[in-house]
Amino acid sequence: MFKRIHFDTVPAIDVERARDFYRDKLGFEVERDNPYGESRWVFMRIRGADTLLHFDQQLSVPRTETPALVLVTEDVDAACETLRSRGVPIKSGPDDAPWEPGTRWAMIDDSEGNLVLIQTIR
């Protein structure tokens, strides 16, 4: 019935700051960045991925213990080292996941306060 997810949305207080964080710190590519009222209509893409990430401007981003976004990497430990070198604090991990044998994980907060889970699935 369905072919794929076109995009997913995460809240952002400052859409341009979120765009810059995901581009400069996480390595996403800007797919689209257009004016949209007093904000921006921004879509980001991981190179080679079909699903886009969209930022929805909000007055605040609620703090939750549930990740707003889950990213997969070949090596979460190496990814954390790269993120640290780019000035991104690692909130927790990297560590072995008790919920899934063979999975390693870490968590960061993005520029807007969204919790992001990064994992390597073996």
N, C-alpha and C. Protein backbone atom coordinates (compact mmCIF):
# COMPACT_ATOMS: atom_id res chain seq x y z
N MET A 1 0.82 -1.19 0.00
CA MET A 1 0.00 0.00 0.00
C MET A 1 0.87 1.26 0.00
N PHE A 2 1.74 1.42 1.02
CA PHE A 2 2.60 2.61 1.10
C PHE A 2 3.99 2.26 0.61
N LYS A 3 4.69 3.24 0.08
CA LYS A 3 6.03 3.02 -0.46
C LYS A 3 7.13 3.41 0.51
N ARG A 4 6.94 4.52 1.25
CA ARG A 4 7.99 5.02 2.14
C ARG A 4 7.45 6.18 2.95
N ILE A 5 8.21 6.62 3.92
CA ILE A 5 7.90 7.84 4.65
C ILE A 5 8.58 8.98 3.90
N HIS A 6 7.82 9.99 3.54
CA HIS A 6 8.38 11.12 2.80
C HIS A 6 9.22 12.02 3.72
N PHE A 7 8.62 12.43 4.85
CA PHE A 7 9.38 13.22 5.81
C PHE A 7 8.81 13.04 7.20
N ASP A 8 9.65 13.36 8.17
CA ASP A 8 9.23 13.40 9.57
C ASP A 8 9.57 14.79 10.08
N THR A 9 8.82 15.24 11.06
CA THR A 9 8.96 16.60 11.56
C THR A 9 9.44 16.60 13.00
N VAL A 10 10.40 17.48 13.29
CA VAL A 10 10.83 17.72 14.66
C VAL A 10 10.62 19.20 14.96
N PRO A 11 10.27 19.51 16.21
CA PRO A 11 10.05 20.92 16.56
C PRO A 11 11.36 21.68 16.67
N ALA A 12 11.29 22.95 16.34
CA ALA A 12 12.46 23.83 16.44
C ALA A 12 12.01 25.22 16.86
N ILE A 13 12.67 25.77 17.84
CA ILE A 13 12.40 27.15 18.24
C ILE A 13 12.98 28.09 17.19
N ASP A 14 14.19 27.79 16.74
CA ASP A 14 14.89 28.59 15.74
C ASP A 14 15.24 27.66 14.58
N VAL A 15 14.48 27.74 13.50
CA VAL A 15 14.62 26.84 12.36
C VAL A 15 16.01 26.97 11.72
N GLU A 16 16.52 28.19 11.61
CA GLU A 16 17.85 28.37 11.01
C GLU A 16 18.94 27.76 11.88
N ARG A 17 18.82 27.90 13.19
CA ARG A 17 19.79 27.30 14.11
C ARG A 17 19.74 25.77 13.99
N ALA A 18 18.52 25.21 13.91
CA ALA A 18 18.36 23.76 13.75
C ALA A 18 18.97 23.31 12.43
N ARG A 19 18.71 24.03 11.35
CA ARG A 19 19.30 23.71 10.05
C ARG A 19 20.81 23.67 10.14
N ASP A 20 21.40 24.68 10.74
CA ASP A 20 22.86 24.76 10.85
C ASP A 20 23.42 23.63 11.71
N PHE A 21 22.73 23.27 12.80
CA PHE A 21 23.18 22.19 13.67
C PHE A 21 23.18 20.86 12.91
N TYR A 22 22.07 20.56 12.27
CA TYR A 22 21.96 19.29 11.56
C TYR A 22 22.93 19.23 10.37
N ARG A 23 23.18 20.35 9.73
CA ARG A 23 24.13 20.39 8.62
C ARG A 23 25.57 20.32 9.12
N ASP A 24 25.93 21.22 10.04
CA ASP A 24 27.32 21.38 10.43
C ASP A 24 27.79 20.37 11.47
N LYS A 25 26.91 19.95 12.35
CA LYS A 25 27.31 19.02 13.42
C LYS A 25 26.99 17.57 13.08
N LEU A 26 25.82 17.32 12.46
CA LEU A 26 25.41 15.95 12.19
C LEU A 26 25.66 15.51 10.75
N GLY A 27 26.00 16.44 9.87
CA GLY A 27 26.35 16.08 8.50
C GLY A 27 25.19 15.89 7.55
N PHE A 28 23.99 16.35 7.91
CA PHE A 28 22.86 16.28 7.00
C PHE A 28 23.08 17.27 5.85
N GLU A 29 22.38 17.04 4.75
CA GLU A 29 22.39 17.97 3.62
C GLU A 29 21.09 18.76 3.61
N VAL A 30 21.16 20.00 3.18
CA VAL A 30 19.95 20.82 3.04
C VAL A 30 19.29 20.43 1.73
N GLU A 31 18.10 19.88 1.81
CA GLU A 31 17.33 19.49 0.63
C GLU A 31 16.57 20.70 0.08
N ARG A 32 16.00 21.49 1.02
CA ARG A 32 15.19 22.63 0.64
C ARG A 32 15.21 23.63 1.78
N ASP A 33 15.36 24.90 1.45
CA ASP A 33 15.34 25.97 2.45
C ASP A 33 14.74 27.20 1.79
N ASN A 34 13.46 27.44 2.09
CA ASN A 34 12.74 28.55 1.47
C ASN A 34 12.05 29.39 2.54
N PRO A 35 11.85 30.67 2.26
CA PRO A 35 11.08 31.49 3.20
C PRO A 35 9.68 30.92 3.36
N TYR A 36 9.16 31.02 4.58
CA TYR A 36 7.81 30.54 4.85
C TYR A 36 7.22 31.44 5.93
N GLY A 37 6.51 32.46 5.53
CA GLY A 37 6.01 33.46 6.47
C GLY A 37 7.19 34.13 7.17
N GLU A 38 7.16 34.13 8.49
CA GLU A 38 8.26 34.72 9.25
C GLU A 38 9.31 33.67 9.61
N SER A 39 9.18 32.49 9.07
CA SER A 39 10.11 31.40 9.36
C SER A 39 10.73 30.89 8.07
N ARG A 40 11.15 29.64 8.07
CA ARG A 40 11.75 28.99 6.91
C ARG A 40 11.06 27.64 6.71
N TRP A 41 10.98 27.17 5.48
CA TRP A 41 10.48 25.85 5.13
C TRP A 41 11.73 25.04 4.80
N VAL A 42 12.23 24.29 5.81
CA VAL A 42 13.52 23.61 5.70
C VAL A 42 13.33 22.10 5.77
N PHE A 43 13.91 21.42 4.78
CA PHE A 43 13.98 19.96 4.77
C PHE A 43 15.45 19.55 4.70
N MET A 44 15.82 18.56 5.50
CA MET A 44 17.19 18.05 5.54
C MET A 44 17.17 16.59 5.12
N ARG A 45 18.34 16.11 4.63
CA ARG A 45 18.44 14.73 4.19
C ARG A 45 19.79 14.15 4.60
N ILE A 46 19.76 12.90 5.04
CA ILE A 46 21.00 12.15 5.19
C ILE A 46 21.37 11.67 3.80
N ARG A 47 22.61 11.85 3.41
CA ARG A 47 23.04 11.46 2.06
C ARG A 47 22.62 10.02 1.76
N GLY A 48 21.90 9.83 0.66
CA GLY A 48 21.47 8.52 0.21
C GLY A 48 20.14 8.06 0.80
N ALA A 49 19.58 8.80 1.75
CA ALA A 49 18.32 8.39 2.38
C ALA A 49 17.12 8.96 1.61
N ASP A 50 16.01 8.25 1.67
CA ASP A 50 14.77 8.72 1.04
C ASP A 50 13.99 9.66 1.95
N THR A 51 13.99 9.38 3.24
CA THR A 51 13.17 10.15 4.18
C THR A 51 13.84 11.49 4.50
N LEU A 52 13.06 12.53 4.48
CA LEU A 52 13.54 13.87 4.81
C LEU A 52 13.18 14.22 6.24
N LEU A 53 13.91 15.19 6.79
CA LEU A 53 13.63 15.73 8.11
C LEU A 53 13.18 17.17 7.92
N HIS A 54 12.06 17.52 8.54
CA HIS A 54 11.48 18.85 8.43
C HIS A 54 11.44 19.48 9.81
N PHE A 55 11.69 20.79 9.88
CA PHE A 55 11.61 21.51 11.15
C PHE A 55 10.32 22.30 11.21
N ASP A 56 9.62 22.16 12.33
CA ASP A 56 8.37 22.89 12.55
C ASP A 56 8.63 23.93 13.64
N GLN A 57 8.54 25.21 13.27
CA GLN A 57 8.82 26.26 14.25
C GLN A 57 7.77 26.27 15.35
N GLN A 58 8.28 26.23 16.59
CA GLN A 58 7.44 26.22 17.78
C GLN A 58 7.97 27.27 18.76
N LEU A 59 7.13 27.70 19.68
CA LEU A 59 7.56 28.66 20.70
C LEU A 59 8.46 27.99 21.73
N SER A 60 8.25 26.67 21.96
CA SER A 60 9.08 25.93 22.89
C SER A 60 9.13 24.48 22.45
N VAL A 61 10.16 23.77 22.92
CA VAL A 61 10.30 22.35 22.64
C VAL A 61 10.21 21.63 23.97
N PRO A 62 9.18 20.79 24.14
CA PRO A 62 9.03 20.10 25.42
C PRO A 62 10.15 19.09 25.63
N ARG A 63 10.68 19.04 26.85
CA ARG A 63 11.70 18.06 27.22
C ARG A 63 11.02 16.72 27.47
N THR A 64 11.48 15.69 26.81
CA THR A 64 10.91 14.36 27.01
C THR A 64 12.04 13.36 27.16
N GLU A 65 11.70 12.19 27.62
CA GLU A 65 12.67 11.10 27.72
C GLU A 65 12.55 10.16 26.52
N THR A 66 11.66 10.49 25.61
CA THR A 66 11.48 9.73 24.37
C THR A 66 12.18 10.48 23.24
N PRO A 67 13.05 9.81 22.49
CA PRO A 67 13.75 10.51 21.41
C PRO A 67 12.79 11.05 20.36
N ALA A 68 13.07 12.25 19.91
CA ALA A 68 12.32 12.84 18.80
C ALA A 68 12.79 12.27 17.48
N LEU A 69 14.01 11.72 17.49
CA LEU A 69 14.63 11.22 16.26
C LEU A 69 15.58 10.09 16.64
N VAL A 70 15.61 9.04 15.82
CA VAL A 70 16.53 7.93 16.01
C VAL A 70 17.37 7.81 14.74
N LEU A 71 18.68 7.91 14.90
CA LEU A 71 19.61 7.83 13.77
C LEU A 71 20.43 6.55 13.88
N VAL A 72 20.72 5.93 12.75
CA VAL A 72 21.52 4.72 12.71
C VAL A 72 22.86 5.05 12.07
N THR A 73 23.93 4.51 12.67
CA THR A 73 25.28 4.69 12.17
C THR A 73 26.01 3.35 12.18
N GLU A 74 27.04 3.24 11.37
CA GLU A 74 27.84 2.01 11.33
C GLU A 74 28.60 1.79 12.64
N ASP A 75 29.00 2.88 13.31
CA ASP A 75 29.82 2.77 14.52
C ASP A 75 29.49 3.92 15.46
N VAL A 76 28.63 3.66 16.42
CA VAL A 76 28.18 4.71 17.33
C VAL A 76 29.34 5.30 18.13
N ASP A 77 30.33 4.48 18.48
CA ASP A 77 31.48 5.00 19.24
C ASP A 77 32.26 6.02 18.41
N ALA A 78 32.51 5.70 17.15
CA ALA A 78 33.21 6.63 16.26
C ALA A 78 32.36 7.88 16.00
N ALA A 79 31.06 7.69 15.84
CA ALA A 79 30.17 8.83 15.63
C ALA A 79 30.22 9.78 16.82
N CYS A 80 30.25 9.22 18.03
CA CYS A 80 30.32 10.06 19.23
C CYS A 80 31.63 10.84 19.28
N GLU A 81 32.71 10.22 18.88
CA GLU A 81 34.00 10.94 18.85
C GLU A 81 33.94 12.09 17.85
N THR A 82 33.36 11.84 16.69
CA THR A 82 33.21 12.90 15.69
C THR A 82 32.34 14.02 16.23
N LEU A 83 31.22 13.67 16.85
CA LEU A 83 30.32 14.69 17.40
C LEU A 83 31.02 15.51 18.48
N ARG A 84 31.76 14.83 19.37
CA ARG A 84 32.52 15.56 20.40
C ARG A 84 33.49 16.54 19.76
N SER A 85 34.16 16.11 18.71
CA SER A 85 35.14 16.99 18.04
C SER A 85 34.46 18.19 17.39
N ARG A 86 33.17 18.08 17.12
CA ARG A 86 32.39 19.17 16.54
C ARG A 86 31.68 19.99 17.62
N GLY A 87 31.96 19.68 18.89
CA GLY A 87 31.39 20.46 19.98
C GLY A 87 30.03 20.00 20.45
N VAL A 88 29.62 18.80 20.08
CA VAL A 88 28.32 18.28 20.50
C VAL A 88 28.51 17.43 21.76
N PRO A 89 27.93 17.82 22.88
CA PRO A 89 28.04 16.99 24.09
C PRO A 89 27.24 15.70 23.94
N ILE A 90 27.82 14.61 24.41
CA ILE A 90 27.11 13.34 24.43
C ILE A 90 26.37 13.27 25.76
N LYS A 91 25.06 13.15 25.69
CA LYS A 91 24.22 13.16 26.88
C LYS A 91 24.34 11.85 27.66
N SER A 92 24.36 10.72 26.94
CA SER A 92 24.57 9.42 27.58
C SER A 92 25.10 8.43 26.54
N GLY A 93 25.83 7.44 27.04
CA GLY A 93 26.46 6.45 26.17
C GLY A 93 27.79 6.97 25.67
N PRO A 94 28.36 6.30 24.69
CA PRO A 94 27.84 5.09 24.08
C PRO A 94 27.92 3.90 25.03
N ASP A 95 26.97 3.00 24.84
CA ASP A 95 26.86 1.84 25.72
C ASP A 95 26.11 0.74 24.97
N ASP A 96 26.17 -0.48 25.53
CA ASP A 96 25.40 -1.59 24.98
C ASP A 96 23.94 -1.42 25.37
N ALA A 97 23.05 -1.71 24.45
CA ALA A 97 21.62 -1.53 24.69
C ALA A 97 21.05 -2.74 25.41
N PRO A 98 20.46 -2.54 26.60
CA PRO A 98 19.85 -3.66 27.30
C PRO A 98 18.59 -4.16 26.61
N TRP A 99 17.98 -3.33 25.76
CA TRP A 99 16.73 -3.69 25.11
C TRP A 99 16.94 -4.51 23.84
N GLU A 100 18.18 -4.53 23.29
CA GLU A 100 18.41 -5.25 22.04
C GLU A 100 19.86 -5.72 21.98
N PRO A 101 20.11 -7.01 22.22
CA PRO A 101 21.49 -7.51 22.18
C PRO A 101 22.16 -7.19 20.85
N GLY A 102 23.41 -6.74 20.94
CA GLY A 102 24.17 -6.41 19.74
C GLY A 102 24.04 -4.96 19.31
N THR A 103 23.17 -4.20 19.96
CA THR A 103 22.99 -2.79 19.61
C THR A 103 23.76 -1.92 20.60
N ARG A 104 24.47 -0.92 20.06
CA ARG A 104 25.12 0.10 20.89
C ARG A 104 24.40 1.40 20.64
N TRP A 105 24.35 2.26 21.65
CA TRP A 105 23.57 3.48 21.54
C TRP A 105 24.25 4.63 22.28
N ALA A 106 23.81 5.82 21.94
CA ALA A 106 24.18 7.05 22.65
C ALA A 106 23.04 8.04 22.44
N MET A 107 23.02 9.09 23.28
CA MET A 107 22.00 10.12 23.14
C MET A 107 22.65 11.49 23.18
N ILE A 108 22.09 12.37 22.38
CA ILE A 108 22.48 13.78 22.38
C ILE A 108 21.21 14.62 22.41
N ASP A 109 21.37 15.89 22.73
CA ASP A 109 20.32 16.87 22.52
C ASP A 109 20.70 17.66 21.28
N ASP A 110 19.73 17.93 20.41
CA ASP A 110 20.03 18.79 19.27
C ASP A 110 20.02 20.25 19.72
N SER A 111 20.19 21.16 18.81
CA SER A 111 20.27 22.58 19.14
C SER A 111 18.98 23.12 19.74
N GLU A 112 17.88 22.41 19.54
CA GLU A 112 16.57 22.88 20.01
C GLU A 112 16.11 22.18 21.27
N GLY A 113 16.91 21.24 21.77
CA GLY A 113 16.54 20.50 22.97
C GLY A 113 15.82 19.20 22.71
N ASN A 114 15.72 18.79 21.45
CA ASN A 114 15.14 17.49 21.12
C ASN A 114 16.14 16.40 21.47
N LEU A 115 15.67 15.33 22.08
CA LEU A 115 16.51 14.18 22.38
C LEU A 115 16.68 13.35 21.11
N VAL A 116 17.94 13.01 20.79
CA VAL A 116 18.25 12.24 19.58
C VAL A 116 18.99 10.98 20.01
N LEU A 117 18.46 9.83 19.62
CA LEU A 117 19.10 8.55 19.89
C LEU A 117 19.93 8.17 18.66
N ILE A 118 21.17 7.78 18.91
CA ILE A 118 22.07 7.33 17.85
C ILE A 118 22.40 5.88 18.17
N GLN A 119 22.28 5.00 17.18
CA GLN A 119 22.54 3.60 17.48
C GLN A 119 23.20 2.86 16.33
N THR A 120 23.92 1.82 16.68
CA THR A 120 24.49 0.86 15.75
C THR A 120 23.79 -0.45 16.01
N ILE A 121 23.17 -0.98 14.97
CA ILE A 121 22.45 -2.24 15.08
C ILE A 121 23.26 -3.30 14.37
N ARG A 122 23.63 -4.34 15.09
CA ARG A 122 24.44 -5.42 14.48
C ARG A 122 23.57 -6.56 14.05
